[in-house]
PDB file of N, CA and C in Angstrom:
ATOM      1  N   MET A   1       0.815  -1.182   0.000  1.00  0.00           N
ATOM      2  CA  MET A   1       0.000   0.000   0.000  1.00  0.00           C
ATOM      3  C   MET A   1       0.870   1.262   0.000  1.00  0.00           C
ATOM      4  N   LEU A   2       1.943   1.239   0.782  1.00  0.00           N
ATOM      5  CA  LEU A   2       2.838   2.385   0.842  1.00  0.00           C
ATOM      6  C   LEU A   2       3.478   2.650  -0.519  1.00  0.00           C
ATOM      7  N   SER A   3       3.806   1.589  -1.246  1.00  0.00           N
ATOM      8  CA  SER A   3       4.412   1.772  -2.567  1.00  0.00           C
ATOM      9  C   SER A   3       3.408   2.363  -3.555  1.00  0.00           C
ATOM     10  N   ARG A   4       2.137   2.049  -3.417  1.00  0.00           N
ATOM     11  CA  ARG A   4       1.112   2.640  -4.291  1.00  0.00           C
ATOM     12  C   ARG A   4       0.981   4.136  -4.031  1.00  0.00           C
ATOM     13  N   ILE A   5       1.028   4.514  -2.770  1.00  0.00           N
ATOM     14  CA  ILE A   5       0.941   5.932  -2.428  1.00  0.00           C
ATOM     15  C   ILE A   5       2.160   6.674  -2.970  1.00  0.00           C
ATOM     16  N   ALA A   6       3.332   6.077  -2.817  1.00  0.00           N
ATOM     17  CA  ALA A   6       4.567   6.691  -3.323  1.00  0.00           C
ATOM     18  C   ALA A   6       4.500   6.828  -4.847  1.00  0.00           C
ATOM     19  N   SER A   7       3.997   5.810  -5.514  1.00  0.00           N
ATOM     20  CA  SER A   7       3.865   5.867  -6.974  1.00  0.00           C
ATOM     21  C   SER A   7       2.897   6.960  -7.394  1.00  0.00           C
ATOM     22  N   ALA A   8       1.780   7.063  -6.700  1.00  0.00           N
ATOM     23  CA  ALA A   8       0.790   8.086  -7.024  1.00  0.00           C
ATOM     24  C   ALA A   8       1.365   9.483  -6.818  1.00  0.00           C
ATOM     25  N   LEU A   9       2.121   9.681  -5.745  1.00  0.00           N
ATOM     26  CA  LEU A   9       2.745  10.985  -5.498  1.00  0.00           C
ATOM     27  C   LEU A   9       3.775  11.321  -6.564  1.00  0.00           C
ATOM     28  N   THR A  10       4.553  10.350  -6.973  1.00  0.00           N
ATOM     29  CA  THR A  10       5.558  10.565  -8.014  1.00  0.00           C
ATOM     30  C   THR A  10       4.893  10.976  -9.322  1.00  0.00           C
ATOM     31  N   ILE A  11       3.837  10.288  -9.699  1.00  0.00           N
ATOM     32  CA  ILE A  11       3.121  10.619 -10.936  1.00  0.00           C
ATOM     33  C   ILE A  11       2.525  12.017 -10.844  1.00  0.00           C
ATOM     34  N   ALA A  12       1.962  12.361  -9.703  1.00  0.00           N
ATOM     35  CA  ALA A  12       1.370  13.687  -9.520  1.00  0.00           C
ATOM     36  C   ALA A  12       2.427  14.786  -9.641  1.00  0.00           C
ATOM     37  N   LEU A  13       3.590  14.577  -9.046  1.00  0.00           N
ATOM     38  CA  LEU A  13       4.660  15.571  -9.127  1.00  0.00           C
ATOM     39  C   LEU A  13       5.167  15.737 -10.549  1.00  0.00           C
ATOM     40  N   LEU A  14       5.344  14.629 -11.256  1.00  0.00           N
ATOM     41  CA  LEU A  14       5.823  14.703 -12.632  1.00  0.00           C
ATOM     42  C   LEU A  14       4.824  15.410 -13.533  1.00  0.00           C
ATOM     43  N   SER A  15       3.541  15.119 -13.368  1.00  0.00           N
ATOM     44  CA  SER A  15       2.541  15.755 -14.224  1.00  0.00           C
ATOM     45  C   SER A  15       2.406  17.237 -13.898  1.00  0.00           C
ATOM     46  N   THR A  16       2.587  17.636 -12.631  1.00  0.00           N
ATOM     47  CA  THR A  16       2.549  19.048 -12.262  1.00  0.00           C
ATOM     48  C   THR A  16       3.711  19.799 -12.900  1.00  0.00           C
ATOM     49  N   ALA A  17       4.897  19.231 -12.834  1.00  0.00           N
ATOM     50  CA  ALA A  17       6.076  19.865 -13.440  1.00  0.00           C
ATOM     51  C   ALA A  17       5.899  19.977 -14.947  1.00  0.00           C
ATOM     52  N   ALA A  18       5.373  18.939 -15.570  1.00  0.00           N
ATOM     53  CA  ALA A  18       5.166  18.955 -17.015  1.00  0.00           C
ATOM     54  C   ALA A  18       4.138  20.008 -17.398  1.00  0.00           C
ATOM     55  N   ALA A  19       3.082  20.163 -16.607  1.00  0.00           N
ATOM     56  CA  ALA A  19       2.060  21.163 -16.896  1.00  0.00           C
ATOM     57  C   ALA A  19       2.645  22.564 -16.801  1.00  0.00           C
ATOM     58  N   GLN A  20       3.510  22.809 -15.833  1.00  0.00           N
ATOM     59  CA  GLN A  20       4.136  24.121 -15.692  1.00  0.00           C
ATOM     60  C   GLN A  20       5.049  24.417 -16.875  1.00  0.00           C
ATOM     61  N   ALA A  21       5.815  23.431 -17.304  1.00  0.00           N
ATOM     62  CA  ALA A  21       6.692  23.621 -18.456  1.00  0.00           C
ATOM     63  C   ALA A  21       5.861  23.879 -19.702  1.00  0.00           C
ATOM     64  N   SER A  22       4.778  23.140 -19.854  1.00  0.00           N
ATOM     65  CA  SER A  22       3.902  23.309 -21.005  1.00  0.00           C
ATOM     66  C   SER A  22       3.308  24.705 -21.036  1.00  0.00           C
ATOM     67  N   ALA A  23       2.866  25.205 -19.887  1.00  0.00           N
ATOM     68  CA  ALA A  23       2.295  26.550 -19.821  1.00  0.00           C
ATOM     69  C   ALA A  23       3.335  27.586 -20.236  1.00  0.00           C
ATOM     70  N   ALA A  24       4.581  27.383 -19.853  1.00  0.00           N
ATOM     71  CA  ALA A  24       5.646  28.318 -20.215  1.00  0.00           C
ATOM     72  C   ALA A  24       5.891  28.313 -21.720  1.00  0.00           C
ATOM     73  N   CYS A  25       5.696  27.200 -22.366  1.00  0.00           N
ATOM     74  CA  CYS A  25       5.912  27.125 -23.810  1.00  0.00           C
ATOM     75  C   CYS A  25       4.792  27.795 -24.590  1.00  0.00           C
ATOM     76  N   TYR A  26       3.592  27.845 -24.019  1.00  0.00           N
ATOM     77  CA  TYR A  26       2.473  28.496 -24.691  1.00  0.00           C
ATOM     78  C   TYR A  26       2.379  29.978 -24.374  1.00  0.00           C
ATOM     79  N   ALA A  27       3.107  30.423 -23.341  1.00  0.00           N
ATOM     80  CA  ALA A  27       3.035  31.828 -22.941  1.00  0.00           C
ATOM     81  C   ALA A  27       3.623  32.705 -24.045  1.00  0.00           C
ATOM     82  N   HIS A  28       3.022  33.874 -24.213  1.00  0.00           N
ATOM     83  CA  HIS A  28       3.534  34.809 -25.211  1.00  0.00           C
ATOM     84  C   HIS A  28       4.811  35.447 -24.700  1.00  0.00           C
ATOM     85  N   ARG A  29       5.765  35.559 -25.576  1.00  0.00           N
ATOM     86  CA  ARG A  29       7.031  36.164 -25.217  1.00  0.00           C
ATOM     87  C   ARG A  29       6.918  37.675 -25.400  1.00  0.00           C
ATOM     88  N   PRO A  30       7.602  38.458 -24.556  1.00  0.00           N
ATOM     89  CA  PRO A  30       7.525  39.913 -24.688  1.00  0.00           C
ATOM     90  C   PRO A  30       8.211  40.382 -25.966  1.00  0.00           C
ATOM     91  N   GLY A  31       7.801  41.537 -26.414  1.00  0.00           N
ATOM     92  CA  GLY A  31       8.412  42.123 -27.593  1.00  0.00           C
ATOM     93  C   GLY A  31       7.537  41.943 -28.825  1.00  0.00           C
ATOM     94  N   VAL A  32       8.050  42.385 -29.928  1.00  0.00           N
ATOM     95  CA  VAL A  32       7.337  42.316 -31.194  1.00  0.00           C
ATOM     96  C   VAL A  32       7.748  41.042 -31.908  1.00  0.00           C
ATOM     97  N   GLN A  33       6.770  40.338 -32.389  1.00  0.00           N
ATOM     98  CA  GLN A  33       7.052  39.130 -33.157  1.00  0.00           C
ATOM     99  C   GLN A  33       6.399  39.251 -34.524  1.00  0.00           C
ATOM    100  N   ILE A  34       7.185  39.071 -35.539  1.00  0.00           N
ATOM    101  CA  ILE A  34       6.694  39.122 -36.911  1.00  0.00           C
ATOM    102  C   ILE A  34       7.072  37.815 -37.569  1.00  0.00           C
ATOM    103  N   SER A  35       6.124  37.248 -38.267  1.00  0.00           N
ATOM    104  CA  SER A  35       6.451  36.014 -38.974  1.00  0.00           C
ATOM    105  C   SER A  35       5.813  36.043 -40.354  1.00  0.00           C
ATOM    106  N   PHE A  36       6.506  35.484 -41.299  1.00  0.00           N
ATOM    107  CA  PHE A  36       6.009  35.323 -42.648  1.00  0.00           C
ATOM    108  C   PHE A  36       6.809  34.201 -43.272  1.00  0.00           C
ATOM    109  N   GLY A  37       6.323  33.691 -44.325  1.00  0.00           N
ATOM    110  CA  GLY A  37       7.066  32.614 -44.966  1.00  0.00           C
ATOM    111  C   GLY A  37       6.367  32.085 -46.188  1.00  0.00           C
ATOM    112  N   ILE A  38       7.055  31.221 -46.830  1.00  0.00           N
ATOM    113  CA  ILE A  38       6.544  30.555 -48.023  1.00  0.00           C
ATOM    114  C   ILE A  38       6.667  29.064 -47.778  1.00  0.00           C
ATOM    115  N   SER A  39       5.640  28.355 -48.137  1.00  0.00           N
ATOM    116  CA  SER A  39       5.669  26.908 -47.954  1.00  0.00           C
ATOM    117  C   SER A  39       5.654  26.234 -49.315  1.00  0.00           C
ATOM    118  N   ILE A  40       6.624  25.391 -49.528  1.00  0.00           N
ATOM    119  CA  ILE A  40       6.685  24.610 -50.769  1.00  0.00           C
ATOM    120  C   ILE A  40       6.727  23.148 -50.371  1.00  0.00           C
ATOM    121  N   GLY A  41       5.834  22.387 -50.894  1.00  0.00           N
ATOM    122  CA  GLY A  41       5.817  20.963 -50.569  1.00  0.00           C
ATOM    123  C   GLY A  41       4.962  20.675 -49.349  1.00  0.00           C
ATOM    124  N   ALA A  42       5.088  19.469 -48.882  1.00  0.00           N
ATOM    125  CA  ALA A  42       4.261  18.999 -47.776  1.00  0.00           C
ATOM    126  C   ALA A  42       4.801  19.481 -46.434  1.00  0.00           C
ATOM    127  N   GLU A  43       3.938  19.472 -45.441  1.00  0.00           N
ATOM    128  CA  GLU A  43       4.340  19.780 -44.070  1.00  0.00           C
ATOM    129  C   GLU A  43       5.370  18.749 -43.610  1.00  0.00           C
ATOM    130  N   ALA A  44       6.246  19.169 -42.729  1.00  0.00           N
ATOM    131  CA  ALA A  44       7.232  18.240 -42.167  1.00  0.00           C
ATOM    132  C   ALA A  44       6.509  17.230 -41.276  1.00  0.00           C
ATOM    133  N   THR A  45       6.984  16.026 -41.299  1.00  0.00           N
ATOM    134  CA  THR A  45       6.398  14.997 -40.438  1.00  0.00           C
ATOM    135  C   THR A  45       6.867  15.215 -39.013  1.00  0.00           C
ATOM    136  N   GLU A  46       6.217  14.565 -38.076  1.00  0.00           N
ATOM    137  CA  GLU A  46       6.610  14.664 -36.678  1.00  0.00           C
ATOM    138  C   GLU A  46       8.047  14.184 -36.487  1.00  0.00           C
ATOM    139  N   GLU A  47       8.413  13.120 -37.167  1.00  0.00           N
ATOM    140  CA  GLU A  47       9.777  12.592 -37.070  1.00  0.00           C
ATOM    141  C   GLU A  47      10.792  13.601 -37.591  1.00  0.00           C
ATOM    142  N   GLU A  48      10.468  14.275 -38.695  1.00  0.00           N
ATOM    143  CA  GLU A  48      11.378  15.277 -39.253  1.00  0.00           C
ATOM    144  C   GLU A  48      11.537  16.474 -38.303  1.00  0.00           C
ATOM    145  N   ARG A  49      10.432  16.911 -37.696  1.00  0.00           N
ATOM    146  CA  ARG A  49      10.509  18.013 -36.736  1.00  0.00           C
ATOM    147  C   ARG A  49      11.354  17.620 -35.528  1.00  0.00           C
ATOM    148  N   ASN A  50      11.174  16.385 -35.066  1.00  0.00           N
ATOM    149  CA  ASN A  50      11.956  15.915 -33.915  1.00  0.00           C
ATOM    150  C   ASN A  50      13.444  15.868 -34.245  1.00  0.00           C
ATOM    151  N   ARG A  51      13.785  15.402 -35.432  1.00  0.00           N
ATOM    152  CA  ARG A  51      15.199  15.364 -35.847  1.00  0.00           C
ATOM    153  C   ARG A  51      15.774  16.770 -35.954  1.00  0.00           C
ATOM    154  N   PHE A  52      14.982  17.698 -36.513  1.00  0.00           N
ATOM    155  CA  PHE A  52      15.430  19.083 -36.627  1.00  0.00           C
ATOM    156  C   PHE A  52      15.674  19.680 -35.248  1.00  0.00           C
ATOM    157  N   ASN A  53      14.720  19.483 -34.319  1.00  0.00           N
ATOM    158  CA  ASN A  53      14.871  20.016 -32.960  1.00  0.00           C
ATOM    159  C   ASN A  53      16.096  19.430 -32.273  1.00  0.00           C
ATOM    160  N   LEU A  54      16.329  18.136 -32.443  1.00  0.00           N
ATOM    161  CA  LEU A  54      17.501  17.486 -31.856  1.00  0.00           C
ATOM    162  C   LEU A  54      18.778  18.102 -32.424  1.00  0.00           C
ATOM    163  N   MET A  55      18.801  18.329 -33.728  1.00  0.00           N
ATOM    164  CA  MET A  55      19.964  18.933 -34.369  1.00  0.00           C
ATOM    165  C   MET A  55      20.212  20.347 -33.834  1.00  0.00           C
ATOM    166  N   GLN A  56      19.141  21.135 -33.680  1.00  0.00           N
ATOM    167  CA  GLN A  56      19.283  22.492 -33.157  1.00  0.00           C
ATOM    168  C   GLN A  56      19.837  22.484 -31.738  1.00  0.00           C
ATOM    169  N   LEU A  57      19.312  21.604 -30.896  1.00  0.00           N
ATOM    170  CA  LEU A  57      19.783  21.527 -29.516  1.00  0.00           C
ATOM    171  C   LEU A  57      21.257  21.124 -29.466  1.00  0.00           C
ATOM    172  N   ARG A  58      21.636  20.169 -30.285  1.00  0.00           N
ATOM    173  CA  ARG A  58      23.042  19.741 -30.314  1.00  0.00           C
ATOM    174  C   ARG A  58      23.951  20.862 -30.790  1.00  0.00           C
ATOM    175  N   GLN A  59      23.491  21.637 -31.779  1.00  0.00           N
ATOM    176  CA  GLN A  59      24.294  22.764 -32.253  1.00  0.00           C
ATOM    177  C   GLN A  59      24.460  23.831 -31.174  1.00  0.00           C
ATOM    178  N   MET A  60      23.519  23.875 -30.235  1.00  0.00           N
ATOM    179  CA  MET A  60      23.598  24.815 -29.121  1.00  0.00           C
ATOM    180  C   MET A  60      24.470  24.273 -27.993  1.00  0.00           C
ATOM    181  N   GLY A  61      25.010  23.066 -28.159  1.00  0.00           N
ATOM    182  CA  GLY A  61      25.887  22.491 -27.152  1.00  0.00           C
ATOM    183  C   GLY A  61      25.172  21.634 -26.123  1.00  0.00           C
ATOM    184  N   ILE A  62      23.920  21.315 -26.367  1.00  0.00           N
ATOM    185  CA  ILE A  62      23.144  20.486 -25.443  1.00  0.00           C
ATOM    186  C   ILE A  62      23.311  19.033 -25.870  1.00  0.00           C
ATOM    187  N   ASP A  63      23.762  18.194 -24.953  1.00  0.00           N
ATOM    188  CA  ASP A  63      24.066  16.795 -25.261  1.00  0.00           C
ATOM    189  C   ASP A  63      22.790  15.947 -25.189  1.00  0.00           C
ATOM    190  N   ALA A  64      21.873  16.218 -26.109  1.00  0.00           N
ATOM    191  CA  ALA A  64      20.593  15.511 -26.140  1.00  0.00           C
ATOM    192  C   ALA A  64      20.719  14.226 -26.946  1.00  0.00           C
ATOM    193  N   THR A  65      20.028  13.198 -26.481  1.00  0.00           N
ATOM    194  CA  THR A  65      20.014  11.927 -27.201  1.00  0.00           C
ATOM    195  C   THR A  65      18.773  11.786 -28.071  1.00  0.00           C
ATOM    196  N   ARG A  66      17.682  12.452 -27.679  1.00  0.00           N
ATOM    197  CA  ARG A  66      16.477  12.490 -28.507  1.00  0.00           C
ATOM    198  C   ARG A  66      15.628  13.671 -28.069  1.00  0.00           C
ATOM    199  N   ALA A  67      14.749  14.101 -28.963  1.00  0.00           N
ATOM    200  CA  ALA A  67      13.870  15.239 -28.689  1.00  0.00           C
ATOM    201  C   ALA A  67      12.520  14.952 -29.323  1.00  0.00           C
ATOM    202  N   GLU A  68      11.472  15.475 -28.674  1.00  0.00           N
ATOM    203  CA  GLU A  68      10.115  15.289 -29.187  1.00  0.00           C
ATOM    204  C   GLU A  68       9.244  16.432 -28.704  1.00  0.00           C
ATOM    205  N   MET A  69       8.194  16.720 -29.452  1.00  0.00           N
ATOM    206  CA  MET A  69       7.231  17.722 -29.016  1.00  0.00           C
ATOM    207  C   MET A  69       6.358  17.082 -27.958  1.00  0.00           C
ATOM    208  N   TRP A  70       6.163  17.815 -26.878  1.00  0.00           N
ATOM    209  CA  TRP A  70       5.385  17.271 -25.778  1.00  0.00           C
ATOM    210  C   TRP A  70       4.727  18.413 -25.023  1.00  0.00           C
ATOM    211  N   GLY A  71       3.412  18.494 -25.105  1.00  0.00           N
ATOM    212  CA  GLY A  71       2.676  19.518 -24.381  1.00  0.00           C
ATOM    213  C   GLY A  71       3.026  20.935 -24.788  1.00  0.00           C
ATOM    214  N   GLY A  72       3.358  21.166 -26.041  1.00  0.00           N
ATOM    215  CA  GLY A  72       3.712  22.498 -26.508  1.00  0.00           C
ATOM    216  C   GLY A  72       5.182  22.830 -26.386  1.00  0.00           C
ATOM    217  N   CYS A  73       5.949  21.991 -25.696  1.00  0.00           N
ATOM    218  CA  CYS A  73       7.384  22.197 -25.515  1.00  0.00           C
ATOM    219  C   CYS A  73       8.163  21.151 -26.308  1.00  0.00           C
ATOM    220  N   ILE A  74       9.437  21.411 -26.440  1.00  0.00           N
ATOM    221  CA  ILE A  74      10.354  20.378 -26.914  1.00  0.00           C
ATOM    222  C   ILE A  74      10.865  19.683 -25.663  1.00  0.00           C
ATOM    223  N   ARG A  75      10.600  18.402 -25.561  1.00  0.00           N
ATOM    224  CA  ARG A  75      11.127  17.621 -24.435  1.00  0.00           C
ATOM    225  C   ARG A  75      12.351  16.880 -24.947  1.00  0.00           C
ATOM    226  N   ALA A  76      13.481  17.143 -24.317  1.00  0.00           N
ATOM    227  CA  ALA A  76      14.735  16.526 -24.739  1.00  0.00           C
ATOM    228  C   ALA A  76      15.273  15.660 -23.608  1.00  0.00           C
ATOM    229  N   PHE A  77      15.864  14.560 -23.985  1.00  0.00           N
ATOM    230  CA  PHE A  77      16.536  13.678 -23.037  1.00  0.00           C
ATOM    231  C   PHE A  77      18.017  13.984 -23.151  1.00  0.00           C
ATOM    232  N   VAL A  78      18.551  14.572 -22.080  1.00  0.00           N
ATOM    233  CA  VAL A  78      19.902  15.131 -22.098  1.00  0.00           C
ATOM    234  C   VAL A  78      20.807  14.328 -21.180  1.00  0.00           C
ATOM    235  N   ARG A  79      22.000  13.985 -21.686  1.00  0.00           N
ATOM    236  CA  ARG A  79      22.982  13.262 -20.870  1.00  0.00           C
ATOM    237  C   ARG A  79      23.507  14.164 -19.771  1.00  0.00           C
ATOM    238  N   LYS A  80      23.590  13.610 -18.571  1.00  0.00           N
ATOM    239  CA  LYS A  80      24.162  14.336 -17.440  1.00  0.00           C
ATOM    240  C   LYS A  80      25.657  14.015 -17.365  1.00  0.00           C
ATOM    241  N   PRO A  81      26.487  14.961 -16.940  1.00  0.00           N
ATOM    242  CA  PRO A  81      27.940  14.718 -16.863  1.00  0.00           C
ATOM    243  C   PRO A  81      28.299  13.545 -15.959  1.00  0.00           C
ATOM    244  N   GLU A  82      27.541  13.336 -14.881  1.00  0.00           N
ATOM    245  CA  GLU A  82      27.842  12.255 -13.953  1.00  0.00           C
ATOM    246  C   GLU A  82      27.260  10.922 -14.403  1.00  0.00           C
ATOM    247  N   GLY A  83      26.607  10.902 -15.560  1.00  0.00           N
ATOM    248  CA  GLY A  83      26.008   9.683 -16.083  1.00  0.00           C
ATOM    249  C   GLY A  83      24.497   9.746 -16.032  1.00  0.00           C
ATOM    250  N   GLY A  84      23.858   8.969 -16.860  1.00  0.00           N
ATOM    251  CA  GLY A  84      22.407   8.952 -16.926  1.00  0.00           C
ATOM    252  C   GLY A  84      21.879  10.090 -17.775  1.00  0.00           C
ATOM    253  N   GLU A  85      20.566  10.206 -17.797  1.00  0.00           N
ATOM    254  CA  GLU A  85      19.897  11.243 -18.573  1.00  0.00           C
ATOM    255  C   GLU A  85      18.843  11.929 -17.711  1.00  0.00           C
ATOM    256  N   GLU A  86      18.489  13.132 -18.131  1.00  0.00           N
ATOM    257  CA  GLU A  86      17.379  13.830 -17.507  1.00  0.00           C
ATOM    258  C   GLU A  86      16.551  14.484 -18.604  1.00  0.00           C
ATOM    259  N   MET A  87      15.263  14.693 -18.310  1.00  0.00           N
ATOM    260  CA  MET A  87      14.399  15.393 -19.248  1.00  0.00           C
ATOM    261  C   MET A  87      14.565  16.890 -19.041  1.00  0.00           C
ATOM    262  N   GLN A  88      14.689  17.609 -20.138  1.00  0.00           N
ATOM    263  CA  GLN A  88      14.723  19.066 -20.100  1.00  0.00           C
ATOM    264  C   GLN A  88      13.729  19.561 -21.135  1.00  0.00           C
ATOM    265  N   TYR A  89      13.126  20.713 -20.858  1.00  0.00           N
ATOM    266  CA  TYR A  89      12.109  21.270 -21.736  1.00  0.00           C
ATOM    267  C   TYR A  89      12.616  22.567 -22.347  1.00  0.00           C
ATOM    268  N   PHE A  90      12.266  22.796 -23.615  1.00  0.00           N
ATOM    269  CA  PHE A  90      12.713  23.968 -24.345  1.00  0.00           C
ATOM    270  C   PHE A  90      11.551  24.591 -25.097  1.00  0.00           C
ATOM    271  N   HIS A  91      11.584  25.916 -25.220  1.00  0.00           N
ATOM    272  CA  HIS A  91      10.555  26.636 -25.967  1.00  0.00           C
ATOM    273  C   HIS A  91      10.726  26.288 -27.445  1.00  0.00           C
ATOM    274  N   PRO A  92       9.642  25.970 -28.155  1.00  0.00           N
ATOM    275  CA  PRO A  92       9.770  25.505 -29.537  1.00  0.00           C
ATOM    276  C   PRO A  92      10.208  26.565 -30.541  1.00  0.00           C
ATOM    277  N   GLU A  93      10.085  27.843 -30.206  1.00  0.00           N
ATOM    278  CA  GLU A  93      10.499  28.887 -31.140  1.00  0.00           C
ATOM    279  C   GLU A  93      11.883  29.426 -30.836  1.00  0.00           C
ATOM    280  N   SER A  94      12.178  29.609 -29.556  1.00  0.00           N
ATOM    281  CA  SER A  94      13.449  30.231 -29.184  1.00  0.00           C
ATOM    282  C   SER A  94      14.508  29.216 -28.742  1.00  0.00           C
ATOM    283  N   PHE A  95      14.085  27.995 -28.468  1.00  0.00           N
ATOM    284  CA  PHE A  95      14.954  26.946 -27.944  1.00  0.00           C
ATOM    285  C   PHE A  95      15.564  27.321 -26.588  1.00  0.00           C
ATOM    286  N   GLU A  96      14.928  28.266 -25.881  1.00  0.00           N
ATOM    287  CA  GLU A  96      15.348  28.599 -24.526  1.00  0.00           C
ATOM    288  C   GLU A  96      14.863  27.498 -23.595  1.00  0.00           C
ATOM    289  N   ARG A  97      15.666  27.175 -22.592  1.00  0.00           N
ATOM    290  CA  ARG A  97      15.277  26.153 -21.624  1.00  0.00           C
ATOM    291  C   ARG A  97      14.130  26.672 -20.766  1.00  0.00           C
ATOM    292  N   VAL A  98      13.152  25.834 -20.541  1.00  0.00           N
ATOM    293  CA  VAL A  98      12.004  26.147 -19.707  1.00  0.00           C
ATOM    294  C   VAL A  98      12.082  25.240 -18.492  1.00  0.00           C
ATOM    295  N   ASP A  99      12.167  25.846 -17.316  1.00  0.00           N
ATOM    296  CA  ASP A  99      12.235  25.046 -16.094  1.00  0.00           C
ATOM    297  C   ASP A  99      10.830  24.828 -15.549  1.00  0.00           C
ATOM    298  N   PRO A 100      10.492  23.581 -15.294  1.00  0.00           N
ATOM    299  CA  PRO A 100       9.159  23.295 -14.754  1.00  0.00           C
ATOM    300  C   PRO A 100       9.020  23.762 -13.318  1.00  0.00           C
TER     301      PRO A 100
END
């Protein structure tokens, strides 16, 4: 029974942190934003967007092993210097880190 309570608390904490990160990714950034563009061909697939985001993060010096869109943010699995990985969240337009 104690392990079920611990599991439920862990899930609740993770979902709260994820919701906060997601809200930060949807928040409007200050300043003027102008966008325009031309589209030729089909929309990029989810896999292509994930590969692009991973490439951008790596070019920024972030040692990510994979990246995916999650709740409006880019969720990246980043290697820690002491070993293992941790999830980090990034704004999809600016690639700024969003702390949950």
